[in-house]
N, C-alpha and C. Protein backbone atom coordinates (compact mmCIF):
# COMPACT_ATOMS: atom_id res chain seq x y z
N MET A 1 100.44 72.22 73.14
CA MET A 1 100.72 73.64 74.01
C MET A 1 102.27 73.45 74.20
N ALA A 2 102.75 74.59 74.41
CA ALA A 2 104.39 74.72 74.32
C ALA A 2 104.72 74.23 76.02
N THR A 3 105.76 73.81 76.09
CA THR A 3 106.45 73.10 77.23
C THR A 3 107.56 74.01 77.44
N LYS A 4 108.14 73.95 78.85
CA LYS A 4 109.40 74.47 79.42
C LYS A 4 110.24 74.09 78.23
N GLU A 5 110.25 72.75 77.83
CA GLU A 5 111.41 72.13 77.25
C GLU A 5 111.29 72.63 75.59
N THR A 6 109.96 72.89 75.04
CA THR A 6 109.93 73.44 73.76
C THR A 6 110.02 74.64 73.34
N ALA A 7 109.83 75.52 74.50
CA ALA A 7 109.87 77.10 74.23
C ALA A 7 111.34 77.62 74.74
N ASP A 8 111.48 78.83 74.14
CA ASP A 8 112.99 79.40 74.53
C ASP A 8 112.42 80.97 75.28
N ILE A 9 112.69 80.47 76.79
CA ILE A 9 112.33 81.54 77.61
C ILE A 9 113.41 82.32 77.81
N GLY A 10 112.96 83.76 78.03
CA GLY A 10 114.18 84.54 78.28
C GLY A 10 114.22 84.87 79.65
N ALA A 11 115.51 85.46 80.28
CA ALA A 11 115.85 85.82 81.58
C ALA A 11 114.81 86.90 82.18
N PRO A 12 114.47 87.08 83.47
CA PRO A 12 113.62 87.86 84.04
C PRO A 12 114.40 89.37 83.73
N HIS A 13 113.34 89.91 83.59
CA HIS A 13 113.61 91.71 83.33
C HIS A 13 112.66 92.42 83.50
N GLU A 14 112.90 93.81 83.84
CA GLU A 14 111.92 94.91 84.18
C GLU A 14 110.96 94.92 82.79
N PRO A 15 109.66 95.10 82.80
CA PRO A 15 108.69 95.26 81.72
C PRO A 15 109.25 96.22 80.76
N LYS A 16 109.45 96.11 79.36
CA LYS A 16 109.70 96.99 78.48
C LYS A 16 108.32 97.64 77.94
N GLU A 17 108.21 98.26 76.83
CA GLU A 17 107.08 98.65 76.22
C GLU A 17 106.19 97.97 75.56
N ALA A 18 106.59 96.77 75.04
CA ALA A 18 105.59 95.75 74.49
C ALA A 18 105.00 95.00 75.68
N SER A 19 105.70 94.65 76.67
CA SER A 19 104.85 93.96 77.82
C SER A 19 104.00 94.79 78.81
N ILE A 20 104.38 96.12 78.67
CA ILE A 20 103.63 96.87 79.45
C ILE A 20 102.08 96.97 78.54
N LYS A 21 102.41 97.24 77.25
CA LYS A 21 101.27 97.16 76.39
C LYS A 21 100.21 96.06 76.41
N ALA A 22 100.68 94.93 76.71
CA ALA A 22 100.48 93.70 76.48
C ALA A 22 99.54 93.60 78.09
N PHE A 23 100.22 94.08 79.27
CA PHE A 23 99.47 94.30 80.60
C PHE A 23 98.25 95.07 80.25
N GLY A 24 98.48 96.19 79.74
CA GLY A 24 97.36 97.04 79.53
C GLY A 24 96.07 96.41 79.10
N GLU A 25 96.45 95.48 77.99
CA GLU A 25 95.46 94.89 77.33
C GLU A 25 94.65 93.83 78.21
N ILE A 26 95.31 93.14 78.89
CA ILE A 26 94.85 92.20 80.20
C ILE A 26 94.56 92.62 81.44
N GLU A 27 94.95 93.75 81.78
CA GLU A 27 94.53 94.18 83.07
C GLU A 27 93.11 94.05 83.75
N ALA A 28 92.32 94.23 82.96
CA ALA A 28 90.69 94.16 83.70
C ALA A 28 90.54 92.85 83.66
N GLU A 29 90.91 91.86 82.79
CA GLU A 29 90.73 90.47 83.28
C GLU A 29 91.59 89.94 84.23
N LEU A 30 92.76 90.50 84.44
CA LEU A 30 93.70 89.83 85.62
C LEU A 30 93.07 90.38 86.90
N LYS A 31 92.14 91.68 86.91
CA LYS A 31 91.52 91.81 88.14
C LYS A 31 90.45 90.89 88.47
N LYS A 32 89.60 90.77 87.50
CA LYS A 32 88.45 89.97 87.52
C LYS A 32 88.86 88.50 87.91
N GLN A 33 89.87 87.97 87.22
CA GLN A 33 90.16 86.53 87.27
C GLN A 33 90.70 86.29 88.93
N LEU A 34 91.60 87.46 89.12
CA LEU A 34 92.29 87.10 90.43
C LEU A 34 91.04 87.13 91.80
N VAL A 35 90.33 87.92 91.56
CA VAL A 35 89.10 87.93 92.57
C VAL A 35 88.45 86.49 92.54
N HIS A 36 88.11 86.34 91.37
CA HIS A 36 87.53 84.88 91.18
C HIS A 36 88.23 83.71 91.70
N LEU A 37 89.72 83.78 91.34
CA LEU A 37 90.65 82.80 91.94
C LEU A 37 90.55 82.70 93.57
N ARG A 38 90.53 83.82 93.98
CA ARG A 38 90.29 83.83 95.80
C ARG A 38 89.10 83.33 96.14
N HIS A 39 88.14 83.73 95.40
CA HIS A 39 86.75 83.10 96.20
C HIS A 39 86.72 81.59 95.73
N GLU A 40 87.16 80.75 94.62
CA GLU A 40 87.21 79.42 94.35
C GLU A 40 88.41 78.72 95.35
N HIS A 41 89.09 79.63 95.37
CA HIS A 41 90.36 78.81 96.51
C HIS A 41 89.70 78.93 98.01
N ASP A 42 88.92 79.86 98.43
CA ASP A 42 88.42 80.01 99.98
C ASP A 42 87.46 78.87 99.72
N LYS A 43 86.69 78.28 98.88
CA LYS A 43 85.74 77.16 99.28
C LYS A 43 86.53 75.90 99.63
N HIS A 44 87.96 75.59 99.16
CA HIS A 44 88.31 74.26 99.24
C HIS A 44 90.02 74.39 99.85
N GLU A 45 90.57 75.54 99.64
CA GLU A 45 92.00 75.91 100.11
C GLU A 45 92.11 77.21 100.59
N PRO A 46 91.63 77.49 101.47
CA PRO A 46 91.49 78.81 102.00
C PRO A 46 93.07 79.22 102.40
N GLN A 47 93.91 78.63 102.60
CA GLN A 47 95.32 78.63 102.90
C GLN A 47 96.04 79.58 101.72
N CYS A 48 95.43 79.41 100.55
CA CYS A 48 95.95 79.84 99.35
C CYS A 48 96.00 81.25 99.11
N PHE A 49 95.05 81.77 100.00
CA PHE A 49 95.13 83.38 100.11
C PHE A 49 95.13 84.00 101.43
N ALA A 50 95.50 82.97 102.19
CA ALA A 50 95.25 83.26 103.71
C ALA A 50 95.98 84.68 104.22
N SER A 51 97.23 85.19 103.71
CA SER A 51 97.49 86.17 103.88
C SER A 51 96.90 87.53 103.32
N ALA A 52 95.88 87.18 102.62
CA ALA A 52 95.03 88.27 101.97
C ALA A 52 93.74 88.48 102.73
N ARG A 53 93.40 87.64 103.68
CA ARG A 53 91.92 87.54 104.32
C ARG A 53 91.60 88.75 104.64
N HIS A 54 92.73 89.81 105.05
CA HIS A 54 92.18 91.07 105.73
C HIS A 54 92.01 92.17 104.74
N VAL A 55 92.18 91.85 103.52
CA VAL A 55 91.83 92.89 102.44
C VAL A 55 90.65 92.45 101.50
N SER A 56 89.86 93.52 101.04
CA SER A 56 88.72 93.36 100.40
C SER A 56 89.04 92.88 98.77
N ASP A 57 88.02 92.44 98.14
CA ASP A 57 88.40 92.13 96.74
C ASP A 57 89.04 93.50 96.16
N HIS A 58 88.14 94.43 96.36
CA HIS A 58 88.52 95.92 95.52
C HIS A 58 90.14 96.22 95.88
N GLN A 59 90.60 95.84 97.01
CA GLN A 59 92.11 95.94 97.55
C GLN A 59 92.90 95.08 97.03
N LEU A 60 92.50 93.88 96.83
CA LEU A 60 93.23 92.83 96.17
C LEU A 60 93.61 92.94 94.81
N ALA A 61 92.54 93.54 93.95
CA ALA A 61 92.86 94.01 92.64
C ALA A 61 93.03 95.49 92.53
N SER A 62 93.64 96.01 93.38
CA SER A 62 93.91 97.59 93.26
C SER A 62 95.21 97.58 92.64
N PHE A 63 95.88 97.05 91.74
CA PHE A 63 97.33 97.17 91.35
C PHE A 63 96.72 97.83 89.86
N SER A 64 98.15 98.53 89.18
CA SER A 64 97.97 99.05 88.01
C SER A 64 99.56 98.71 87.39
N ALA A 65 99.48 99.21 86.33
CA ALA A 65 100.74 98.82 85.49
C ALA A 65 102.04 99.23 86.25
N GLU A 66 102.03 100.15 87.07
CA GLU A 66 103.23 100.57 88.00
C GLU A 66 103.66 99.14 88.94
N ASP A 67 102.90 98.51 88.96
CA ASP A 67 103.09 97.30 89.85
C ASP A 67 103.48 96.28 89.04
N PHE A 68 103.45 95.99 87.84
CA PHE A 68 103.87 95.02 86.99
C PHE A 68 105.58 95.23 87.04
N VAL A 69 106.23 94.15 87.81
CA VAL A 69 107.72 94.41 88.08
C VAL A 69 108.54 93.75 87.24
N LEU A 70 108.13 92.49 86.75
CA LEU A 70 109.21 91.49 86.40
C LEU A 70 108.24 90.92 85.35
N VAL A 71 109.31 90.46 84.27
CA VAL A 71 108.64 89.71 83.33
C VAL A 71 109.69 88.77 82.60
N ARG A 72 109.28 87.64 81.90
CA ARG A 72 110.16 86.79 81.34
C ARG A 72 109.16 86.40 79.98
N VAL A 73 109.50 86.45 78.92
CA VAL A 73 108.83 86.19 77.70
C VAL A 73 109.39 84.87 77.03
N ALA A 74 108.32 84.02 76.55
CA ALA A 74 108.91 82.69 76.02
C ALA A 74 108.43 82.80 74.51
N THR A 75 109.32 82.49 73.60
CA THR A 75 109.27 82.06 72.03
C THR A 75 108.72 81.11 72.03
N THR A 76 107.33 80.84 71.12
CA THR A 76 107.01 79.36 70.81
C THR A 76 106.90 79.58 69.26
N ALA A 77 106.54 78.47 68.80
CA ALA A 77 106.22 78.30 67.32
C ALA A 77 105.05 78.98 66.94
N TYR A 78 103.90 79.32 67.68
CA TYR A 78 103.02 79.64 67.52
C TYR A 78 102.61 81.14 68.07
N GLY A 79 103.57 81.80 68.82
CA GLY A 79 103.44 83.12 69.43
C GLY A 79 104.22 83.46 70.50
N LEU A 80 103.92 84.09 71.44
CA LEU A 80 104.49 84.66 72.73
C LEU A 80 103.93 84.36 73.89
N ILE A 81 104.48 83.79 74.90
CA ILE A 81 104.21 83.33 76.30
C ILE A 81 104.57 84.53 77.18
N LEU A 82 104.00 85.30 77.84
CA LEU A 82 104.67 86.33 78.93
C LEU A 82 104.14 85.74 80.38
N PHE A 83 105.28 85.73 81.09
CA PHE A 83 105.07 85.47 82.74
C PHE A 83 105.32 86.66 83.27
N GLY A 84 104.46 87.32 84.28
CA GLY A 84 104.55 88.32 84.52
C GLY A 84 104.62 88.29 86.40
N LYS A 85 105.12 89.26 86.87
CA LYS A 85 105.35 89.45 88.47
C LYS A 85 104.43 90.44 88.76
N LEU A 86 103.37 90.30 89.48
CA LEU A 86 102.90 91.70 89.72
C LEU A 86 102.46 91.94 91.04
N ARG A 87 102.79 92.95 91.54
CA ARG A 87 103.01 93.56 93.26
C ARG A 87 101.34 93.94 93.52
N ILE A 88 101.12 93.39 94.71
CA ILE A 88 99.68 93.58 95.23
C ILE A 88 100.06 94.71 96.45
N PRO A 89 99.75 95.99 95.86
CA PRO A 89 99.84 97.02 96.85
C PRO A 89 99.28 97.01 98.28
N ALA A 90 97.90 96.44 98.18
CA ALA A 90 97.29 96.27 99.43
C ALA A 90 97.96 95.23 100.45
N LEU A 91 98.97 94.53 99.93
CA LEU A 91 99.83 93.46 100.87
C LEU A 91 101.25 93.88 100.86
N ALA A 92 101.66 94.82 100.25
CA ALA A 92 102.94 95.25 100.11
C ALA A 92 103.35 96.18 101.17
N SER A 93 102.17 96.60 102.00
CA SER A 93 102.49 97.79 102.83
C SER A 93 103.07 97.09 104.25
N GLY A 94 103.01 95.74 104.34
CA GLY A 94 103.82 95.19 105.73
C GLY A 94 105.29 95.55 105.44
N GLY A 95 105.85 95.65 104.39
CA GLY A 95 107.18 95.67 104.18
C GLY A 95 108.01 94.51 104.00
N GLY A 96 109.18 94.59 103.99
CA GLY A 96 110.06 93.28 104.12
C GLY A 96 109.95 92.53 102.92
N SER A 97 111.06 91.96 102.33
CA SER A 97 110.80 90.67 101.44
C SER A 97 110.39 89.63 101.63
N SER A 98 109.67 89.36 102.84
CA SER A 98 109.14 87.96 103.16
C SER A 98 107.60 88.07 103.43
N THR A 99 107.39 89.50 103.02
CA THR A 99 105.74 89.52 102.73
C THR A 99 105.27 89.04 101.92
N PRO A 100 104.30 87.91 101.81
CA PRO A 100 103.66 87.70 100.25
C PRO A 100 102.94 88.80 99.72
N ALA A 101 103.38 89.25 98.68
CA ALA A 101 102.68 90.65 98.06
C ALA A 101 102.63 90.64 96.61
N TYR A 102 103.01 89.64 95.86
CA TYR A 102 103.01 89.16 94.56
C TYR A 102 102.34 88.09 93.97
N VAL A 103 101.70 88.21 92.78
CA VAL A 103 100.90 87.08 91.92
C VAL A 103 101.79 86.91 90.62
N HIS A 104 102.07 85.63 90.37
CA HIS A 104 102.46 85.56 88.99
C HIS A 104 101.35 85.03 87.95
N PHE A 105 101.49 85.74 86.84
CA PHE A 105 100.54 85.55 85.81
C PHE A 105 100.98 85.11 84.53
N ARG A 106 100.37 84.32 83.69
CA ARG A 106 100.66 84.26 82.19
C ARG A 106 99.61 84.47 81.26
N ALA A 107 100.28 85.05 80.02
CA ALA A 107 99.41 85.62 79.03
C ALA A 107 100.17 84.84 77.91
N PHE A 108 99.12 85.23 76.78
CA PHE A 108 99.85 84.74 75.57
C PHE A 108 99.15 85.87 74.39
N SER A 109 100.03 85.82 73.22
CA SER A 109 100.09 86.73 72.17
C SER A 109 100.69 85.87 71.12
N GLU A 110 99.78 85.77 70.01
CA GLU A 110 100.11 85.14 68.68
C GLU A 110 101.27 86.06 67.83
N GLY A 111 101.60 87.12 68.61
CA GLY A 111 102.78 88.16 67.97
C GLY A 111 102.69 89.43 68.54
N PRO A 112 103.51 90.23 68.19
CA PRO A 112 103.86 91.82 68.44
C PRO A 112 102.61 92.51 67.92
N ASP A 113 101.84 92.28 67.01
CA ASP A 113 100.83 93.08 66.54
C ASP A 113 99.66 92.56 66.94
N GLN A 114 99.43 91.53 67.67
CA GLN A 114 98.32 90.90 68.00
C GLN A 114 97.95 90.91 69.53
N PRO A 115 96.63 91.18 70.14
CA PRO A 115 96.36 91.27 71.40
C PRO A 115 96.78 90.40 72.28
N ALA A 116 96.89 90.70 73.45
CA ALA A 116 97.53 89.69 74.56
C ALA A 116 96.07 89.03 75.29
N LEU A 117 96.29 87.89 75.86
CA LEU A 117 95.01 87.24 76.36
C LEU A 117 95.61 86.59 77.82
N PHE A 118 94.95 86.87 78.63
CA PHE A 118 95.26 86.36 80.07
C PHE A 118 95.10 84.81 80.15
N HIS A 119 95.90 84.23 80.54
CA HIS A 119 96.12 82.61 80.38
C HIS A 119 95.50 82.26 81.95
N SER A 120 96.31 82.41 82.92
CA SER A 120 96.56 81.81 84.27
C SER A 120 97.31 82.76 85.25
N PHE A 121 97.04 82.12 86.28
CA PHE A 121 97.67 82.70 87.65
C PHE A 121 98.43 81.61 88.00
N HIS A 122 99.74 81.64 88.65
CA HIS A 122 100.30 80.47 89.28
C HIS A 122 99.94 80.30 90.72
N THR A 123 99.57 78.96 90.94
CA THR A 123 99.14 78.39 92.31
C THR A 123 100.23 77.31 92.40
N ALA A 124 101.12 77.58 93.39
CA ALA A 124 102.01 76.60 93.83
C ALA A 124 101.50 75.47 94.83
N ASP A 125 101.74 74.28 94.79
CA ASP A 125 101.26 73.34 95.79
C ASP A 125 102.79 72.77 96.25
N THR A 126 102.56 72.52 97.77
CA THR A 126 103.56 71.74 98.46
C THR A 126 103.07 70.62 99.14
N GLU A 127 103.95 69.60 98.93
CA GLU A 127 103.20 68.26 99.66
C GLU A 127 104.09 68.09 101.07
N ASP A 128 103.71 67.77 102.17
CA ASP A 128 104.46 67.62 103.40
C ASP A 128 104.80 66.16 103.73
N ALA A 129 105.63 65.74 104.69
CA ALA A 129 105.76 64.43 104.81
C ALA A 129 104.97 63.51 104.86
N ASP A 130 103.39 63.78 105.24
CA ASP A 130 102.53 63.09 105.42
C ASP A 130 101.52 62.83 104.12
N GLY A 131 101.92 63.76 103.17
CA GLY A 131 101.22 63.56 101.80
C GLY A 131 100.00 64.69 101.78
N ASN A 132 100.09 65.30 102.82
CA ASN A 132 99.22 66.71 102.66
C ASN A 132 99.47 67.61 101.83
N LYS A 133 98.76 68.39 101.04
CA LYS A 133 98.97 69.38 100.23
C LYS A 133 98.70 70.54 100.67
N THR A 134 99.66 71.74 100.39
CA THR A 134 99.11 73.11 100.82
C THR A 134 99.36 74.02 99.25
N PHE A 135 98.34 74.82 99.33
CA PHE A 135 98.26 75.69 98.14
C PHE A 135 98.64 77.15 98.22
N ARG A 136 99.39 77.85 97.35
CA ARG A 136 99.14 79.38 97.58
C ARG A 136 99.08 80.02 96.31
N SER A 137 98.86 81.22 96.07
CA SER A 137 98.95 81.89 94.93
C SER A 137 99.32 83.33 95.28
N LEU A 138 100.24 83.48 96.48
CA LEU A 138 100.65 84.72 96.55
C LEU A 138 102.10 84.37 97.08
N PHE A 139 103.21 85.15 96.28
CA PHE A 139 104.58 85.22 96.56
C PHE A 139 105.13 85.87 97.13
N THR A 140 106.43 86.02 97.43
CA THR A 140 107.12 86.88 97.92
C THR A 140 108.07 87.60 96.70
N ALA A 141 108.94 88.66 97.15
CA ALA A 141 109.79 89.42 96.09
C ALA A 141 110.96 88.64 95.93
N ASP A 142 111.12 87.88 96.66
CA ASP A 142 112.52 87.09 96.24
C ASP A 142 112.19 85.70 95.56
N GLU A 143 110.90 85.18 95.52
CA GLU A 143 110.94 84.20 94.76
C GLU A 143 110.53 84.20 93.40
N PRO A 144 111.48 83.42 92.57
CA PRO A 144 111.84 83.87 91.17
C PRO A 144 110.20 83.49 90.26
N LEU A 145 110.52 84.13 89.37
CA LEU A 145 109.45 83.99 88.17
C LEU A 145 109.66 82.83 87.29
N VAL A 146 109.11 81.56 87.38
CA VAL A 146 109.38 80.73 86.72
C VAL A 146 108.16 80.09 85.59
N TRP A 147 108.69 79.18 85.17
CA TRP A 147 107.79 78.64 83.95
C TRP A 147 106.74 78.08 84.67
N PHE A 148 105.41 77.99 84.49
CA PHE A 148 104.12 77.21 85.11
C PHE A 148 103.02 77.37 83.93
N ASP A 149 102.25 76.06 83.90
CA ASP A 149 101.49 75.72 82.98
C ASP A 149 100.00 76.21 83.49
N ALA A 150 99.74 76.29 84.52
CA ALA A 150 98.47 76.77 84.80
C ALA A 150 98.47 77.40 86.44
C-alpha cells in the first residue's frame, strides 16, 4: 500500500473535471458508507458524529457533486489516490467556519481511464492527558485535507 512517504501528493485545489468524474462514480457508495459509518460509530464512539445527531440518515447523505469542494491527488506506482473534502449541506446551515460540516474521503483509481473506487472516510482520534481517546469524522472548513490511511 502506498504511504505518505512513497506517494507524490499534490496541493489541495478545487475539483477539476477528472476528479468530478471520479466523484460521480463513487457518489452512491459514499452516501451508503457514510450512513454505515455513523451507525457503526454510534454503537461505540457516539461522539464521532455527535454534531449530526439532529439530522436523519437521508439528510446526512444529501450531498452532491456541488458539495465536493476540495481535492488532493496522490500519484503512486499503481494508480491515483484521491483525497476529497465534501460539504454536508444539512450540517452547514449553521454557518461559520467552526461548524463541523465536512467529511474527508479517500478513493482510488488505477488510472484516468479506470473507474474510481471508494476506499474510506477519515476518522480522527485525539488522546487527552488521561489517555482517553475521542473520535470524530466531521471536520470544519478550516481543517486541512491531509493524507490518511483509513
